[in-house]
Amino acid sequence: MTTIRIDLDEDAIANLVHDPAVQADLAARADAVVGVAKLTAPVDTGLYRDTIHRVERPDPDTGAVHVDAPVHYAIYVEYGTRQTDRNGRRIHLPRHVLGNALDAAGGDHHA
């Protein structure tokens, strides 16, 4: 019987995310997330939708590419609030704009 041995270069694998081609692919995927998020964002003044963007510089340690909506109320758009009306119905329901956009683009999101 033949024995097959495979040695993995774990450092090389871990550093693949920093490869320019991989970073270009991640940026393109993040741009797709931005596009979907802007199309599905609720609009009152348009400020939330207009601030959604891909963070230009990936995380230097992990290589992760991020999409952000840096308005102070973005978390409430994403996750809603506990605020209720007189009948006990939630006033601000969660919209999951960024999470749904990431799912639509084939990504994997973490809360």
C-alpha atoms as a PDB file:
ATOM      1  CA  MET A   1       0.000   0.000   0.000  1.00  0.00           C
ATOM      2  CA  THR A   2       1.240   3.480  -0.845  1.00  0.00           C
ATOM      3  CA  THR A   3       1.374   6.090   1.880  1.00  0.00           C
ATOM      4  CA  ILE A   4       0.484   9.614   0.892  1.00  0.00           C
ATOM      5  CA  ARG A   5       1.762  12.425   3.012  1.00  0.00           C
ATOM      6  CA  ILE A   6       0.523  15.973   2.703  1.00  0.00           C
ATOM      7  CA  ASP A   7       2.301  18.811   4.444  1.00  0.00           C
ATOM      8  CA  LEU A   8       0.330  22.031   4.620  1.00  0.00           C
ATOM      9  CA  ASP A   9       2.042  25.386   4.860  1.00  0.00           C
ATOM     10  CA  GLU A  10      -0.412  26.904   7.316  1.00  0.00           C
ATOM     11  CA  ASP A  11       1.304  30.302   7.288  1.00  0.00           C
ATOM     12  CA  ALA A  12       1.007  30.499   3.503  1.00  0.00           C
ATOM     13  CA  ILE A  13      -2.652  29.514   3.682  1.00  0.00           C
ATOM     14  CA  ALA A  14      -3.332  32.107   6.393  1.00  0.00           C
ATOM     15  CA  ASN A  15      -1.633  34.791   4.306  1.00  0.00           C
ATOM     16  CA  LEU A  16      -3.642  34.054   1.153  1.00  0.00           C
ATOM     17  CA  VAL A  17      -6.230  36.612   2.244  1.00  0.00           C
ATOM     18  CA  HIS A  18      -3.580  39.334   1.809  1.00  0.00           C
ATOM     19  CA  ASP A  19      -2.885  38.340  -1.815  1.00  0.00           C
ATOM     20  CA  PRO A  20      -3.851  41.205  -4.185  1.00  0.00           C
ATOM     21  CA  ALA A  21      -6.122  38.944  -6.273  1.00  0.00           C
ATOM     22  CA  VAL A  22      -7.967  37.743  -3.172  1.00  0.00           C
ATOM     23  CA  GLN A  23      -8.280  41.308  -1.891  1.00  0.00           C
ATOM     24  CA  ALA A  24      -9.671  42.413  -5.281  1.00  0.00           C
ATOM     25  CA  ASP A  25     -12.250  39.619  -5.115  1.00  0.00           C
ATOM     26  CA  LEU A  26     -13.225  40.545  -1.546  1.00  0.00           C
ATOM     27  CA  ALA A  27     -13.575  44.205  -2.553  1.00  0.00           C
ATOM     28  CA  ALA A  28     -15.816  43.257  -5.493  1.00  0.00           C
ATOM     29  CA  ARG A  29     -17.985  41.133  -3.210  1.00  0.00           C
ATOM     30  CA  ALA A  30     -18.204  43.956  -0.661  1.00  0.00           C
ATOM     31  CA  ASP A  31     -19.225  46.343  -3.442  1.00  0.00           C
ATOM     32  CA  ALA A  32     -22.025  43.918  -4.353  1.00  0.00           C
ATOM     33  CA  VAL A  33     -23.151  43.980  -0.718  1.00  0.00           C
ATOM     34  CA  VAL A  34     -23.148  47.789  -0.791  1.00  0.00           C
ATOM     35  CA  GLY A  35     -25.229  47.790  -3.968  1.00  0.00           C
ATOM     36  CA  VAL A  36     -27.871  45.447  -2.563  1.00  0.00           C
ATOM     37  CA  ALA A  37     -27.942  47.287   0.778  1.00  0.00           C
ATOM     38  CA  LYS A  38     -28.489  50.653  -0.920  1.00  0.00           C
ATOM     39  CA  LEU A  39     -31.303  49.215  -3.048  1.00  0.00           C
ATOM     40  CA  THR A  40     -33.084  47.702  -0.046  1.00  0.00           C
ATOM     41  CA  ALA A  41     -32.380  50.339   2.620  1.00  0.00           C
ATOM     42  CA  PRO A  42     -35.411  52.112   4.073  1.00  0.00           C
ATOM     43  CA  VAL A  43     -35.426  55.768   3.102  1.00  0.00           C
ATOM     44  CA  ASP A  44     -36.730  58.638   5.178  1.00  0.00           C
ATOM     45  CA  THR A  45     -34.108  61.316   4.620  1.00  0.00           C
ATOM     46  CA  GLY A  46     -31.761  59.063   2.616  1.00  0.00           C
ATOM     47  CA  LEU A  47     -28.874  59.615   5.030  1.00  0.00           C
ATOM     48  CA  TYR A  48     -28.669  55.970   6.134  1.00  0.00           C
ATOM     49  CA  ARG A  49     -28.703  54.678   2.549  1.00  0.00           C
ATOM     50  CA  ASP A  50     -26.213  57.290   1.375  1.00  0.00           C
ATOM     51  CA  THR A  51     -23.651  56.428   4.070  1.00  0.00           C
ATOM     52  CA  ILE A  52     -23.480  52.703   3.271  1.00  0.00           C
ATOM     53  CA  HIS A  53     -20.025  52.026   1.848  1.00  0.00           C
ATOM     54  CA  ARG A  54     -17.124  49.593   1.677  1.00  0.00           C
ATOM     55  CA  VAL A  55     -14.337  50.502   4.072  1.00  0.00           C
ATOM     56  CA  GLU A  56     -11.432  51.250   1.748  1.00  0.00           C
ATOM     57  CA  ARG A  57      -8.654  49.602   3.722  1.00  0.00           C
ATOM     58  CA  PRO A  58      -8.953  45.950   4.718  1.00  0.00           C
ATOM     59  CA  ASP A  59      -8.135  44.958   8.269  1.00  0.00           C
ATOM     60  CA  PRO A  60      -4.310  44.834   8.301  1.00  0.00           C
ATOM     61  CA  ASP A  61      -4.215  41.771  10.564  1.00  0.00           C
ATOM     62  CA  THR A  62      -6.984  39.588   9.150  1.00  0.00           C
ATOM     63  CA  GLY A  63      -7.395  40.985   5.628  1.00  0.00           C
ATOM     64  CA  ALA A  64     -11.145  41.261   6.257  1.00  0.00           C
ATOM     65  CA  VAL A  65     -13.069  43.713   4.094  1.00  0.00           C
ATOM     66  CA  HIS A  66     -15.912  45.583   5.818  1.00  0.00           C
ATOM     67  CA  VAL A  67     -19.119  47.307   4.764  1.00  0.00           C
ATOM     68  CA  ASP A  68     -20.274  50.107   7.047  1.00  0.00           C
ATOM     69  CA  ALA A  69     -23.217  52.439   7.545  1.00  0.00           C
ATOM     70  CA  PRO A  70     -21.757  54.987   9.956  1.00  0.00           C
ATOM     71  CA  VAL A  71     -24.879  56.876  11.007  1.00  0.00           C
ATOM     72  CA  HIS A  72     -25.629  56.757  14.723  1.00  0.00           C
ATOM     73  CA  TYR A  73     -28.961  54.969  14.202  1.00  0.00           C
ATOM     74  CA  ALA A  74     -27.741  52.250  11.810  1.00  0.00           C
ATOM     75  CA  ILE A  75     -27.895  49.622  14.553  1.00  0.00           C
ATOM     76  CA  TYR A  76     -31.594  50.388  15.059  1.00  0.00           C
ATOM     77  CA  VAL A  77     -32.277  50.023  11.344  1.00  0.00           C
ATOM     78  CA  GLU A  78     -30.473  46.692  11.354  1.00  0.00           C
ATOM     79  CA  TYR A  79     -31.815  45.223  14.609  1.00  0.00           C
ATOM     80  CA  GLY A  80     -34.876  47.337  15.474  1.00  0.00           C
ATOM     81  CA  THR A  81     -35.736  48.623  18.930  1.00  0.00           C
ATOM     82  CA  ARG A  82     -37.834  47.434  21.830  1.00  0.00           C
ATOM     83  CA  GLN A  83     -39.909  50.613  21.667  1.00  0.00           C
ATOM     84  CA  THR A  84     -43.635  49.772  21.385  1.00  0.00           C
ATOM     85  CA  ASP A  85     -46.830  51.635  20.639  1.00  0.00           C
ATOM     86  CA  ARG A  86     -49.876  51.696  22.944  1.00  0.00           C
ATOM     87  CA  ASN A  87     -50.938  48.272  21.695  1.00  0.00           C
ATOM     88  CA  GLY A  88     -47.580  46.683  22.480  1.00  0.00           C
ATOM     89  CA  ARG A  89     -46.442  46.464  18.836  1.00  0.00           C
ATOM     90  CA  ARG A  90     -42.826  47.260  18.133  1.00  0.00           C
ATOM     91  CA  ILE A  91     -42.452  50.648  16.471  1.00  0.00           C
ATOM     92  CA  HIS A  92     -39.085  50.072  14.854  1.00  0.00           C
ATOM     93  CA  LEU A  93     -38.885  46.575  13.433  1.00  0.00           C
ATOM     94  CA  PRO A  94     -35.507  45.126  12.472  1.00  0.00           C
ATOM     95  CA  ARG A  95     -34.710  45.542   8.766  1.00  0.00           C
ATOM     96  CA  HIS A  96     -31.469  43.505   8.614  1.00  0.00           C
ATOM     97  CA  VAL A  97     -30.391  45.574   5.598  1.00  0.00           C
ATOM     98  CA  LEU A  98     -26.679  44.776   5.781  1.00  0.00           C
ATOM     99  CA  GLY A  99     -27.145  41.176   6.902  1.00  0.00           C
ATOM    100  CA  ASN A 100     -29.633  40.464   4.128  1.00  0.00           C
ATOM    101  CA  ALA A 101     -27.412  42.182   1.554  1.00  0.00           C
ATOM    102  CA  LEU A 102     -24.488  40.026   2.647  1.00  0.00           C
ATOM    103  CA  ASP A 103     -26.627  36.899   2.394  1.00  0.00           C
ATOM    104  CA  ALA A 104     -27.845  37.953  -1.080  1.00  0.00           C
ATOM    105  CA  ALA A 105     -24.248  38.439  -2.198  1.00  0.00           C
ATOM    106  CA  GLY A 106     -23.361  34.932  -1.000  1.00  0.00           C
ATOM    107  CA  GLY A 107     -21.456  36.032   2.062  1.00  0.00           C
ATOM    108  CA  ASP A 108     -21.380  34.960   5.665  1.00  0.00           C
ATOM    109  CA  HIS A 109     -22.302  37.478   8.329  1.00  0.00           C
ATOM    110  CA  HIS A 110     -21.707  37.572  12.045  1.00  0.00           C
ATOM    111  CA  ALA A 111     -23.862  39.491  14.458  1.00  0.00           C
END
